Amino acid sequence: MDTELVAMLKQDDAGAFTELYNRHWKCLYYTAMSILQNSEACQDIVQEVFASAWQRRADVQIEFPKTYLQQAIRF
């Protein structure tokens, strides 16, 4: 479950991060594409969102990871 992955992520578990990425990158990419219609920009944004999530993993309270990530894509 995603909430377990978030708990493991807070403990610096790179495997949990990889699993979150693998579960959600495609959905996030399509969300970005619906807004931007530019594949390269969408790929960059998805990478930036995941990089930010990794950098802020100890500070951010994420209850629903998919929703959190999709909101980050929209902003």
N, C-alpha and C. Protein backbone atom coordinates (compact mmCIF):
# COMPACT_ATOMS: atom_id res chain seq x y z
N MET A 1 0.85 -1.18 0.00
CA MET A 1 0.00 0.00 0.00
C MET A 1 0.90 1.25 0.00
N ASP A 2 0.43 2.29 -0.60
CA ASP A 2 1.21 3.52 -0.74
C ASP A 2 1.57 4.15 0.60
N THR A 3 0.68 4.08 1.57
CA THR A 3 0.98 4.70 2.87
C THR A 3 2.17 4.01 3.54
N GLU A 4 2.30 2.71 3.35
CA GLU A 4 3.45 1.99 3.89
C GLU A 4 4.73 2.44 3.19
N LEU A 5 4.63 2.65 1.88
CA LEU A 5 5.79 3.13 1.13
C LEU A 5 6.22 4.51 1.61
N VAL A 6 5.26 5.37 1.92
CA VAL A 6 5.58 6.71 2.41
C VAL A 6 6.29 6.61 3.76
N ALA A 7 5.84 5.72 4.62
CA ALA A 7 6.51 5.53 5.91
C ALA A 7 7.95 5.06 5.71
N MET A 8 8.16 4.16 4.78
CA MET A 8 9.50 3.67 4.48
C MET A 8 10.34 4.76 3.83
N LEU A 9 9.70 5.60 3.02
CA LEU A 9 10.39 6.72 2.38
C LEU A 9 10.95 7.68 3.42
N LYS A 10 10.18 7.94 4.46
CA LYS A 10 10.62 8.82 5.53
C LYS A 10 11.85 8.27 6.25
N GLN A 11 12.07 6.97 6.12
CA GLN A 11 13.25 6.33 6.72
C GLN A 11 14.36 6.17 5.69
N ASP A 12 14.30 6.98 4.64
CA ASP A 12 15.34 7.02 3.60
C ASP A 12 15.44 5.73 2.79
N ASP A 13 14.32 5.05 2.61
CA ASP A 13 14.31 3.80 1.85
C ASP A 13 14.19 4.11 0.36
N ALA A 14 15.30 3.99 -0.36
CA ALA A 14 15.31 4.28 -1.80
C ALA A 14 14.45 3.29 -2.57
N GLY A 15 14.33 2.07 -2.09
CA GLY A 15 13.48 1.08 -2.75
C GLY A 15 12.01 1.49 -2.70
N ALA A 16 11.59 2.07 -1.59
CA ALA A 16 10.21 2.56 -1.47
C ALA A 16 9.97 3.70 -2.44
N PHE A 17 10.96 4.57 -2.57
CA PHE A 17 10.86 5.67 -3.52
C PHE A 17 10.73 5.14 -4.95
N THR A 18 11.54 4.18 -5.28
CA THR A 18 11.49 3.57 -6.62
C THR A 18 10.13 2.95 -6.88
N GLU A 19 9.58 2.29 -5.89
CA GLU A 19 8.26 1.67 -6.05
C GLU A 19 7.18 2.73 -6.25
N LEU A 20 7.22 3.81 -5.49
CA LEU A 20 6.26 4.90 -5.69
C LEU A 20 6.38 5.47 -7.10
N TYR A 21 7.61 5.67 -7.52
CA TYR A 21 7.85 6.18 -8.87
C TYR A 21 7.25 5.24 -9.91
N ASN A 22 7.55 3.96 -9.80
CA ASN A 22 7.05 2.99 -10.78
C ASN A 22 5.53 2.90 -10.79
N ARG A 23 4.91 3.08 -9.65
CA ARG A 23 3.44 3.01 -9.57
C ARG A 23 2.76 4.24 -10.18
N HIS A 24 3.40 5.41 -10.08
CA HIS A 24 2.68 6.64 -10.37
C HIS A 24 3.21 7.50 -11.51
N TRP A 25 4.38 7.22 -12.05
CA TRP A 25 4.95 8.12 -13.04
C TRP A 25 4.06 8.27 -14.27
N LYS A 26 3.48 7.17 -14.73
CA LYS A 26 2.68 7.23 -15.95
C LYS A 26 1.43 8.09 -15.76
N CYS A 27 0.76 7.91 -14.66
CA CYS A 27 -0.44 8.70 -14.37
C CYS A 27 -0.08 10.19 -14.27
N LEU A 28 1.05 10.48 -13.62
CA LEU A 28 1.48 11.87 -13.48
C LEU A 28 1.86 12.46 -14.83
N TYR A 29 2.50 11.66 -15.65
CA TYR A 29 2.86 12.11 -16.99
C TYR A 29 1.61 12.49 -17.78
N TYR A 30 0.59 11.64 -17.74
CA TYR A 30 -0.64 11.92 -18.48
C TYR A 30 -1.38 13.13 -17.90
N THR A 31 -1.30 13.31 -16.60
CA THR A 31 -1.90 14.50 -16.00
C THR A 31 -1.21 15.75 -16.53
N ALA A 32 0.12 15.72 -16.56
CA ALA A 32 0.87 16.86 -17.09
C ALA A 32 0.59 17.07 -18.57
N MET A 33 0.48 15.99 -19.34
CA MET A 33 0.20 16.11 -20.77
C MET A 33 -1.17 16.75 -21.03
N SER A 34 -2.13 16.47 -20.16
CA SER A 34 -3.46 17.06 -20.35
C SER A 34 -3.42 18.58 -20.17
N ILE A 35 -2.40 19.05 -19.47
CA ILE A 35 -2.27 20.49 -19.23
C ILE A 35 -1.34 21.14 -20.26
N LEU A 36 -0.20 20.52 -20.50
CA LEU A 36 0.85 21.17 -21.28
C LEU A 36 0.93 20.76 -22.75
N GLN A 37 0.56 19.54 -23.05
CA GLN A 37 0.65 19.04 -24.43
C GLN A 37 2.08 19.10 -24.98
N ASN A 38 3.07 18.87 -24.12
CA ASN A 38 4.47 18.89 -24.53
C ASN A 38 5.19 17.78 -23.79
N SER A 39 5.57 16.74 -24.52
CA SER A 39 6.13 15.54 -23.90
C SER A 39 7.40 15.82 -23.10
N GLU A 40 8.33 16.56 -23.66
CA GLU A 40 9.58 16.85 -22.95
C GLU A 40 9.34 17.62 -21.66
N ALA A 41 8.50 18.63 -21.73
CA ALA A 41 8.19 19.43 -20.53
C ALA A 41 7.51 18.55 -19.48
N CYS A 42 6.65 17.66 -19.91
CA CYS A 42 5.94 16.78 -18.97
C CYS A 42 6.91 15.82 -18.29
N GLN A 43 7.84 15.28 -19.07
CA GLN A 43 8.84 14.39 -18.48
C GLN A 43 9.67 15.14 -17.44
N ASP A 44 10.05 16.36 -17.76
CA ASP A 44 10.83 17.17 -16.83
C ASP A 44 10.06 17.45 -15.55
N ILE A 45 8.79 17.79 -15.69
CA ILE A 45 7.96 18.11 -14.52
C ILE A 45 7.80 16.90 -13.63
N VAL A 46 7.55 15.74 -14.22
CA VAL A 46 7.40 14.52 -13.43
C VAL A 46 8.69 14.25 -12.65
N GLN A 47 9.83 14.40 -13.32
CA GLN A 47 11.11 14.19 -12.64
C GLN A 47 11.31 15.20 -11.50
N GLU A 48 10.94 16.44 -11.74
CA GLU A 48 11.09 17.46 -10.71
C GLU A 48 10.20 17.18 -9.50
N VAL A 49 8.99 16.73 -9.74
CA VAL A 49 8.07 16.41 -8.64
C VAL A 49 8.63 15.27 -7.81
N PHE A 50 9.12 14.23 -8.46
CA PHE A 50 9.69 13.12 -7.71
C PHE A 50 10.98 13.51 -7.00
N ALA A 51 11.81 14.32 -7.63
CA ALA A 51 13.04 14.78 -6.99
C ALA A 51 12.71 15.60 -5.74
N SER A 52 11.71 16.46 -5.86
CA SER A 52 11.29 17.27 -4.71
C SER A 52 10.73 16.39 -3.60
N ALA A 53 9.95 15.39 -3.97
CA ALA A 53 9.39 14.47 -2.97
C ALA A 53 10.52 13.76 -2.22
N TRP A 54 11.56 13.36 -2.93
CA TRP A 54 12.69 12.69 -2.28
C TRP A 54 13.43 13.66 -1.36
N GLN A 55 13.67 14.87 -1.84
CA GLN A 55 14.41 15.85 -1.04
C GLN A 55 13.63 16.26 0.21
N ARG A 56 12.32 16.29 0.12
CA ARG A 56 11.48 16.76 1.23
C ARG A 56 10.86 15.62 2.03
N ARG A 57 11.32 14.40 1.79
CA ARG A 57 10.68 13.20 2.36
C ARG A 57 10.55 13.23 3.88
N ALA A 58 11.48 13.84 4.58
CA ALA A 58 11.43 13.85 6.04
C ALA A 58 10.49 14.93 6.58
N ASP A 59 10.22 15.95 5.76
CA ASP A 59 9.48 17.12 6.24
C ASP A 59 8.00 17.12 5.88
N VAL A 60 7.64 16.42 4.82
CA VAL A 60 6.28 16.52 4.29
C VAL A 60 5.40 15.39 4.83
N GLN A 61 4.20 15.76 5.23
CA GLN A 61 3.22 14.78 5.67
C GLN A 61 2.36 14.39 4.47
N ILE A 62 2.52 13.18 3.99
CA ILE A 62 1.79 12.71 2.81
C ILE A 62 0.85 11.59 3.23
N GLU A 63 -0.44 11.89 3.22
CA GLU A 63 -1.43 10.89 3.60
C GLU A 63 -1.89 10.07 2.39
N PHE A 64 -2.04 10.74 1.26
CA PHE A 64 -2.48 10.08 0.03
C PHE A 64 -1.46 10.41 -1.06
N PRO A 65 -0.47 9.55 -1.25
CA PRO A 65 0.64 9.86 -2.17
C PRO A 65 0.22 10.19 -3.60
N LYS A 66 -0.69 9.43 -4.16
CA LYS A 66 -1.09 9.68 -5.54
C LYS A 66 -1.71 11.07 -5.67
N THR A 67 -2.59 11.41 -4.76
CA THR A 67 -3.23 12.73 -4.77
C THR A 67 -2.20 13.83 -4.56
N TYR A 68 -1.30 13.63 -3.62
CA TYR A 68 -0.26 14.61 -3.36
C TYR A 68 0.59 14.86 -4.62
N LEU A 69 1.00 13.78 -5.27
CA LEU A 69 1.84 13.90 -6.46
C LEU A 69 1.09 14.57 -7.62
N GLN A 70 -0.19 14.22 -7.79
CA GLN A 70 -0.97 14.83 -8.87
C GLN A 70 -1.15 16.32 -8.62
N GLN A 71 -1.36 16.72 -7.40
CA GLN A 71 -1.50 18.14 -7.08
C GLN A 71 -0.18 18.86 -7.36
N ALA A 72 0.93 18.21 -7.03
CA ALA A 72 2.23 18.82 -7.29
C ALA A 72 2.43 19.02 -8.78
N ILE A 73 1.97 18.09 -9.60
CA ILE A 73 2.07 18.22 -11.05
C ILE A 73 1.25 19.43 -11.51
N ARG A 74 0.06 19.60 -10.97
CA ARG A 74 -0.81 20.69 -11.40
C ARG A 74 -0.24 22.07 -11.04
N PHE A 75 0.49 22.14 -9.92
CA PHE A 75 1.04 23.43 -9.50
C PHE A 75 2.39 23.65 -10.12
